[in-house]
């Protein structure tokens, strides 16, 4: 049976519970696994497409889900984490947040200067327009 998409309220409730888990309310492993499945199905394709366009690199959907799960834990005091609780489309914002974090990580790991990345995007656009 195919799993139903979580709505914004379900995501917000998980974010809230992760935010307060240090006070004793643990999020069960099966719920975290369900969250990672939601990320793979809903967010990973968006992140993959945008990172391919912006940095020219492919990324793994399972890895994106793992990073999303880690962001919820590590970002408990960050503005991005709180914004997930109040924005109108937390799934879209989660995709934006992942693109920013993973893109920044790629640039640091790759050592590609920003101007080189822009040049790569211009080349990719030119190639697409020729096709």
N, C-alpha and C. Protein backbone atom coordinates (compact mmCIF):
# COMPACT_ATOMS: atom_id res chain seq x y z
N UNK A 1 0.84 -1.18 0.00
CA UNK A 1 0.00 0.00 0.00
C UNK A 1 0.89 1.25 0.00
N UNK A 2 0.53 2.21 -0.80
CA UNK A 2 1.31 3.45 -0.91
C UNK A 2 1.02 4.36 0.27
N UNK A 3 2.08 4.93 0.82
CA UNK A 3 1.95 5.82 1.96
C UNK A 3 1.38 7.17 1.51
N UNK A 4 0.47 7.72 2.31
CA UNK A 4 -0.13 9.01 1.99
C UNK A 4 0.85 10.13 2.31
N UNK A 5 0.75 11.21 1.53
CA UNK A 5 1.57 12.38 1.81
C UNK A 5 1.14 13.02 3.12
N UNK A 6 2.15 13.42 3.89
CA UNK A 6 1.85 14.17 5.10
C UNK A 6 1.42 15.58 4.72
N UNK A 7 0.48 16.11 5.45
CA UNK A 7 0.12 17.50 5.22
C UNK A 7 1.07 18.41 6.03
N UNK A 8 0.89 19.71 5.88
CA UNK A 8 1.75 20.68 6.56
C UNK A 8 1.65 20.53 8.08
N UNK A 9 0.45 20.27 8.58
CA UNK A 9 0.26 20.16 10.03
C UNK A 9 1.02 18.97 10.60
N UNK A 10 1.05 17.86 9.87
CA UNK A 10 1.78 16.68 10.34
C UNK A 10 3.28 16.96 10.40
N UNK A 11 3.79 17.63 9.37
CA UNK A 11 5.20 18.00 9.39
C UNK A 11 5.50 18.95 10.54
N UNK A 12 4.65 19.95 10.73
CA UNK A 12 4.87 20.90 11.83
C UNK A 12 4.87 20.21 13.18
N UNK A 13 3.98 19.24 13.36
CA UNK A 13 3.92 18.52 14.63
C UNK A 13 5.22 17.74 14.87
N UNK A 14 5.74 17.11 13.84
CA UNK A 14 7.02 16.41 13.99
C UNK A 14 8.13 17.40 14.33
N UNK A 15 8.17 18.52 13.63
CA UNK A 15 9.20 19.54 13.90
C UNK A 15 9.09 20.03 15.34
N UNK A 16 7.90 20.26 15.79
CA UNK A 16 7.70 20.70 17.17
C UNK A 16 8.18 19.66 18.17
N UNK A 17 7.86 18.41 17.89
CA UNK A 17 8.25 17.34 18.80
C UNK A 17 9.76 17.12 18.80
N UNK A 18 10.39 17.26 17.64
CA UNK A 18 11.85 17.15 17.59
C UNK A 18 12.46 18.30 18.37
N UNK A 19 11.88 19.48 18.23
CA UNK A 19 12.37 20.67 18.92
C UNK A 19 12.31 20.51 20.43
N UNK A 20 11.33 19.78 20.93
CA UNK A 20 11.17 19.62 22.37
C UNK A 20 11.68 18.27 22.86
N UNK A 21 12.24 17.43 21.99
CA UNK A 21 12.62 16.07 22.38
C UNK A 21 13.71 16.06 23.45
N UNK A 22 14.52 17.10 23.52
CA UNK A 22 15.54 17.14 24.56
C UNK A 22 14.93 17.24 25.95
N UNK A 23 13.65 17.60 26.00
CA UNK A 23 12.96 17.68 27.29
C UNK A 23 12.25 16.37 27.64
N UNK A 24 12.46 15.35 26.87
CA UNK A 24 11.93 14.04 27.24
C UNK A 24 10.94 13.43 26.26
N UNK A 25 10.45 14.17 25.29
CA UNK A 25 9.48 13.62 24.34
C UNK A 25 10.24 13.12 23.11
N UNK A 26 10.63 11.86 23.14
CA UNK A 26 11.39 11.30 22.02
C UNK A 26 10.48 11.01 20.83
N UNK A 27 11.03 11.19 19.65
CA UNK A 27 10.30 10.86 18.43
C UNK A 27 10.67 9.42 18.07
N UNK A 28 9.68 8.54 17.99
CA UNK A 28 9.96 7.13 17.72
C UNK A 28 10.68 6.93 16.38
N UNK A 29 11.50 5.88 16.31
CA UNK A 29 12.26 5.58 15.10
C UNK A 29 11.36 5.37 13.89
N UNK A 30 10.19 4.74 14.09
CA UNK A 30 9.31 4.50 12.95
C UNK A 30 8.74 5.81 12.39
N UNK A 31 8.54 6.81 13.27
CA UNK A 31 8.07 8.11 12.79
C UNK A 31 9.17 8.84 12.04
N UNK A 32 10.40 8.71 12.51
CA UNK A 32 11.53 9.31 11.80
C UNK A 32 11.70 8.64 10.43
N UNK A 33 11.54 7.34 10.39
CA UNK A 33 11.64 6.62 9.12
C UNK A 33 10.53 7.08 8.17
N UNK A 34 9.34 7.29 8.69
CA UNK A 34 8.22 7.79 7.86
C UNK A 34 8.55 9.19 7.34
N UNK A 35 9.15 10.03 8.18
CA UNK A 35 9.55 11.37 7.74
C UNK A 35 10.57 11.26 6.60
N UNK A 36 11.55 10.38 6.73
CA UNK A 36 12.56 10.23 5.67
C UNK A 36 11.91 9.72 4.38
N UNK A 37 10.91 8.86 4.49
CA UNK A 37 10.19 8.40 3.28
C UNK A 37 9.45 9.57 2.63
N UNK A 38 8.84 10.42 3.44
CA UNK A 38 8.15 11.60 2.92
C UNK A 38 9.13 12.52 2.19
N UNK A 39 10.30 12.72 2.79
CA UNK A 39 11.32 13.57 2.16
C UNK A 39 11.77 12.96 0.84
N UNK A 40 12.02 11.65 0.81
CA UNK A 40 12.44 11.01 -0.45
C UNK A 40 11.39 11.19 -1.54
N UNK A 41 10.13 11.06 -1.17
CA UNK A 41 9.06 11.13 -2.16
C UNK A 41 8.71 12.56 -2.57
N UNK A 42 8.70 13.50 -1.64
CA UNK A 42 8.18 14.84 -1.91
C UNK A 42 9.24 15.89 -2.13
N UNK A 43 10.33 15.80 -1.40
CA UNK A 43 11.31 16.88 -1.39
C UNK A 43 12.54 16.53 -2.23
N UNK A 44 12.97 15.28 -2.18
CA UNK A 44 14.21 14.90 -2.86
C UNK A 44 14.20 15.21 -4.37
N UNK A 45 13.13 14.95 -5.11
CA UNK A 45 13.16 15.27 -6.53
C UNK A 45 13.38 16.77 -6.80
N UNK A 46 12.78 17.61 -5.97
CA UNK A 46 12.95 19.06 -6.12
C UNK A 46 14.40 19.45 -5.83
N UNK A 47 14.93 18.92 -4.74
CA UNK A 47 16.31 19.22 -4.34
C UNK A 47 17.28 18.72 -5.40
N UNK A 48 17.07 17.51 -5.88
CA UNK A 48 17.96 16.94 -6.91
C UNK A 48 17.98 17.82 -8.16
N UNK A 49 16.81 18.21 -8.63
CA UNK A 49 16.72 19.03 -9.84
C UNK A 49 17.42 20.38 -9.64
N UNK A 50 17.12 21.02 -8.52
CA UNK A 50 17.69 22.35 -8.28
C UNK A 50 19.20 22.31 -8.07
N UNK A 51 19.71 21.28 -7.41
CA UNK A 51 21.16 21.19 -7.23
C UNK A 51 21.86 20.85 -8.54
N UNK A 52 21.24 20.04 -9.36
CA UNK A 52 21.83 19.76 -10.67
C UNK A 52 21.92 21.04 -11.48
N UNK A 53 20.87 21.86 -11.41
CA UNK A 53 20.88 23.14 -12.13
C UNK A 53 21.88 24.13 -11.54
N UNK A 54 21.96 24.20 -10.22
CA UNK A 54 22.77 25.25 -9.59
C UNK A 54 24.25 24.89 -9.43
N UNK A 55 24.56 23.64 -9.11
CA UNK A 55 25.96 23.29 -8.92
C UNK A 55 26.45 22.23 -9.90
N UNK A 56 25.54 21.67 -10.68
CA UNK A 56 25.94 20.69 -11.68
C UNK A 56 26.29 19.33 -11.11
N UNK A 57 25.66 18.98 -9.99
CA UNK A 57 25.98 17.71 -9.35
C UNK A 57 24.71 16.93 -9.04
N UNK A 58 24.81 15.62 -9.19
CA UNK A 58 23.72 14.74 -8.80
C UNK A 58 23.83 14.43 -7.32
N UNK A 59 22.70 14.28 -6.65
CA UNK A 59 22.68 13.91 -5.24
C UNK A 59 21.69 12.78 -5.03
N UNK A 60 21.94 11.99 -4.01
CA UNK A 60 21.16 10.80 -3.71
C UNK A 60 19.92 11.13 -2.87
N UNK A 61 18.78 10.58 -3.23
CA UNK A 61 17.54 10.84 -2.50
C UNK A 61 17.61 10.35 -1.06
N UNK A 62 18.21 9.20 -0.83
CA UNK A 62 18.36 8.71 0.54
C UNK A 62 19.23 9.65 1.36
N UNK A 63 20.29 10.15 0.76
CA UNK A 63 21.17 11.10 1.44
C UNK A 63 20.44 12.38 1.78
N UNK A 64 19.59 12.85 0.88
CA UNK A 64 18.81 14.05 1.14
C UNK A 64 17.90 13.82 2.35
N UNK A 65 17.28 12.65 2.42
CA UNK A 65 16.39 12.34 3.55
C UNK A 65 17.18 12.29 4.86
N UNK A 66 18.37 11.75 4.83
CA UNK A 66 19.20 11.69 6.03
C UNK A 66 19.60 13.09 6.48
N UNK A 67 19.99 13.94 5.52
CA UNK A 67 20.36 15.32 5.86
C UNK A 67 19.14 16.07 6.41
N UNK A 68 17.97 15.86 5.84
CA UNK A 68 16.76 16.52 6.34
C UNK A 68 16.49 16.12 7.79
N UNK A 69 16.63 14.85 8.09
CA UNK A 69 16.44 14.37 9.45
C UNK A 69 17.46 15.00 10.39
N UNK A 70 18.70 15.08 9.95
CA UNK A 70 19.75 15.70 10.77
C UNK A 70 19.49 17.20 10.97
N UNK A 71 18.97 17.87 9.95
CA UNK A 71 18.67 19.30 10.08
C UNK A 71 17.64 19.55 11.17
N UNK A 72 16.66 18.66 11.27
CA UNK A 72 15.66 18.84 12.31
C UNK A 72 16.30 18.75 13.70
N UNK A 73 17.25 17.83 13.85
CA UNK A 73 17.93 17.69 15.14
C UNK A 73 18.91 18.83 15.39
N UNK A 74 19.74 19.10 14.42
CA UNK A 74 20.81 20.08 14.60
C UNK A 74 20.33 21.51 14.53
N UNK A 75 19.19 21.74 13.90
CA UNK A 75 18.71 23.11 13.71
C UNK A 75 17.72 23.57 14.75
N UNK A 76 17.65 22.90 15.89
CA UNK A 76 16.62 23.22 16.89
C UNK A 76 16.62 24.67 17.33
N UNK A 77 17.76 25.33 17.35
CA UNK A 77 17.75 26.72 17.79
C UNK A 77 17.92 27.68 16.62
N UNK A 78 17.91 27.17 15.43
CA UNK A 78 18.13 27.99 14.24
C UNK A 78 16.83 28.61 13.73
N UNK A 79 16.97 29.75 13.07
CA UNK A 79 15.81 30.42 12.49
C UNK A 79 15.09 29.55 11.47
N UNK A 80 15.85 28.80 10.68
CA UNK A 80 15.23 27.94 9.67
C UNK A 80 14.29 26.93 10.31
N UNK A 81 14.70 26.39 11.41
CA UNK A 81 13.89 25.40 12.11
C UNK A 81 12.58 26.03 12.58
N UNK A 82 12.67 27.21 13.16
CA UNK A 82 11.45 27.89 13.61
C UNK A 82 10.57 28.28 12.44
N UNK A 83 11.18 28.66 11.32
CA UNK A 83 10.39 29.05 10.15
C UNK A 83 9.56 27.88 9.64
N UNK A 84 10.08 26.66 9.78
CA UNK A 84 9.30 25.48 9.39
C UNK A 84 7.98 25.43 10.15
N UNK A 85 7.97 25.92 11.36
CA UNK A 85 6.76 25.89 12.17
C UNK A 85 5.72 26.92 11.76
N UNK A 86 6.14 28.01 11.14
CA UNK A 86 5.20 29.11 10.88
C UNK A 86 4.93 29.38 9.40
N UNK A 87 5.78 28.90 8.51
CA UNK A 87 5.57 29.23 7.09
C UNK A 87 4.34 28.50 6.54
N UNK A 88 3.80 29.02 5.45
CA UNK A 88 2.57 28.45 4.89
C UNK A 88 2.79 27.13 4.15
N UNK A 89 4.01 26.91 3.64
CA UNK A 89 4.31 25.67 2.95
C UNK A 89 5.63 25.10 3.47
N UNK A 90 5.58 24.38 4.60
CA UNK A 90 6.82 23.88 5.19
C UNK A 90 7.56 22.87 4.32
N UNK A 91 6.85 22.14 3.47
CA UNK A 91 7.53 21.19 2.59
C UNK A 91 8.39 21.92 1.56
N UNK A 92 7.85 23.00 0.99
CA UNK A 92 8.63 23.78 0.03
C UNK A 92 9.80 24.46 0.73
N UNK A 93 9.57 24.95 1.94
CA UNK A 93 10.66 25.58 2.67
C UNK A 93 11.74 24.57 3.03
N UNK A 94 11.35 23.35 3.40
CA UNK A 94 12.34 22.31 3.68
C UNK A 94 13.19 22.05 2.44
N UNK A 95 12.58 22.03 1.27
CA UNK A 95 13.34 21.86 0.03
C UNK A 95 14.32 23.01 -0.16
N UNK A 96 13.86 24.25 0.05
CA UNK A 96 14.75 25.41 -0.07
C UNK A 96 15.93 25.31 0.90
N UNK A 97 15.63 24.93 2.14
CA UNK A 97 16.66 24.82 3.17
C UNK A 97 17.69 23.76 2.79
N UNK A 98 17.21 22.62 2.29
CA UNK A 98 18.12 21.55 1.88
C UNK A 98 18.98 21.98 0.70
N UNK A 99 18.39 22.66 -0.27
CA UNK A 99 19.16 23.14 -1.42
C UNK A 99 20.27 24.07 -0.94
N UNK A 100 19.94 24.97 -0.03
CA UNK A 100 20.94 25.92 0.48
C UNK A 100 22.05 25.20 1.23
N UNK A 101 21.70 24.29 2.12
CA UNK A 101 22.69 23.59 2.93
C UNK A 101 23.56 22.67 2.09
N UNK A 102 22.92 21.85 1.27
CA UNK A 102 23.69 20.89 0.46
C UNK A 102 24.49 21.62 -0.62
N UNK A 103 23.93 22.66 -1.21
CA UNK A 103 24.67 23.43 -2.21
C UNK A 103 25.90 24.09 -1.61
N UNK A 104 25.76 24.65 -0.42
CA UNK A 104 26.89 25.27 0.27
C UNK A 104 27.95 24.21 0.60
N UNK A 105 27.49 23.05 1.05
CA UNK A 105 28.40 21.96 1.36
C UNK A 105 29.16 21.51 0.12
N UNK A 106 28.44 21.41 -1.00
CA UNK A 106 29.09 21.01 -2.25
C UNK A 106 30.18 22.01 -2.63
N UNK A 107 29.85 23.27 -2.58
CA UNK A 107 30.83 24.29 -2.98
C UNK A 107 32.07 24.25 -2.10
N UNK A 108 31.87 24.04 -0.81
CA UNK A 108 33.01 23.96 0.11
C UNK A 108 33.84 22.70 -0.17
N UNK A 109 33.18 21.60 -0.40
CA UNK A 109 33.89 20.33 -0.63
C UNK A 109 34.58 20.32 -1.99
N UNK A 110 33.91 20.90 -2.98
CA UNK A 110 34.43 20.91 -4.33
C UNK A 110 35.50 21.98 -4.52
N UNK A 111 35.39 23.05 -3.79
CA UNK A 111 36.33 24.16 -3.94
C UNK A 111 36.08 25.00 -5.17
N UNK A 112 34.92 24.80 -5.81
CA UNK A 112 34.59 25.56 -7.01
C UNK A 112 34.22 26.99 -6.63
N UNK A 113 34.94 27.96 -7.15
CA UNK A 113 34.56 29.34 -6.85
C UNK A 113 33.18 29.66 -7.41
N UNK A 114 32.50 30.58 -6.79
CA UNK A 114 31.15 30.95 -7.20
C UNK A 114 31.11 31.40 -8.66
N UNK A 115 32.13 32.14 -9.10
CA UNK A 115 32.13 32.59 -10.49
C UNK A 115 32.20 31.41 -11.45
N UNK A 116 32.91 30.37 -11.06
CA UNK A 116 32.99 29.16 -11.89
C UNK A 116 31.64 28.46 -11.96
N UNK A 117 30.93 28.45 -10.84
CA UNK A 117 29.60 27.84 -10.81
C UNK A 117 28.64 28.60 -11.73
N UNK A 118 28.73 29.93 -11.74
CA UNK A 118 27.89 30.73 -12.64
C UNK A 118 28.23 30.43 -14.09
N UNK A 119 29.51 30.30 -14.37
CA UNK A 119 29.95 29.97 -15.73
C UNK A 119 29.39 28.62 -16.15
N UNK A 120 29.42 27.66 -15.23
CA UNK A 120 28.88 26.33 -15.51
C UNK A 120 27.39 26.41 -15.82
N UNK A 121 26.63 27.21 -15.05
CA UNK A 121 25.19 27.36 -15.31
C UNK A 121 24.93 27.98 -16.68
N UNK A 122 25.73 28.99 -17.05
CA UNK A 122 25.55 29.61 -18.37
C UNK A 122 25.82 28.59 -19.48
N UNK A 123 26.84 27.78 -19.31
CA UNK A 123 27.15 26.75 -20.29
C UNK A 123 26.01 25.74 -20.40
N UNK A 124 25.47 25.31 -19.27
CA UNK A 124 24.37 24.34 -19.27
C UNK A 124 23.15 24.92 -19.99
N UNK A 125 22.83 26.18 -19.72
CA UNK A 125 21.69 26.81 -20.39
C UNK A 125 21.91 26.88 -21.90
N UNK A 126 23.13 27.21 -22.29
CA UNK A 126 23.43 27.28 -23.72
C UNK A 126 23.27 25.93 -24.37
N UNK A 127 23.73 24.88 -23.70
CA UNK A 127 23.62 23.53 -24.25
C UNK A 127 22.16 23.10 -24.36
N UNK A 128 21.35 23.45 -23.36
CA UNK A 128 19.93 23.10 -23.40
C UNK A 128 19.21 23.82 -24.52
N UNK A 129 19.58 25.07 -24.77
CA UNK A 129 18.91 25.83 -25.81
C UNK A 129 19.27 25.32 -27.20
N UNK A 130 20.46 24.71 -27.34
CA UNK A 130 20.87 24.14 -28.62
C UNK A 130 20.17 22.82 -28.90
N UNK A 131 19.76 22.13 -27.86
CA UNK A 131 19.15 20.79 -28.02
C UNK A 131 17.74 20.86 -28.54
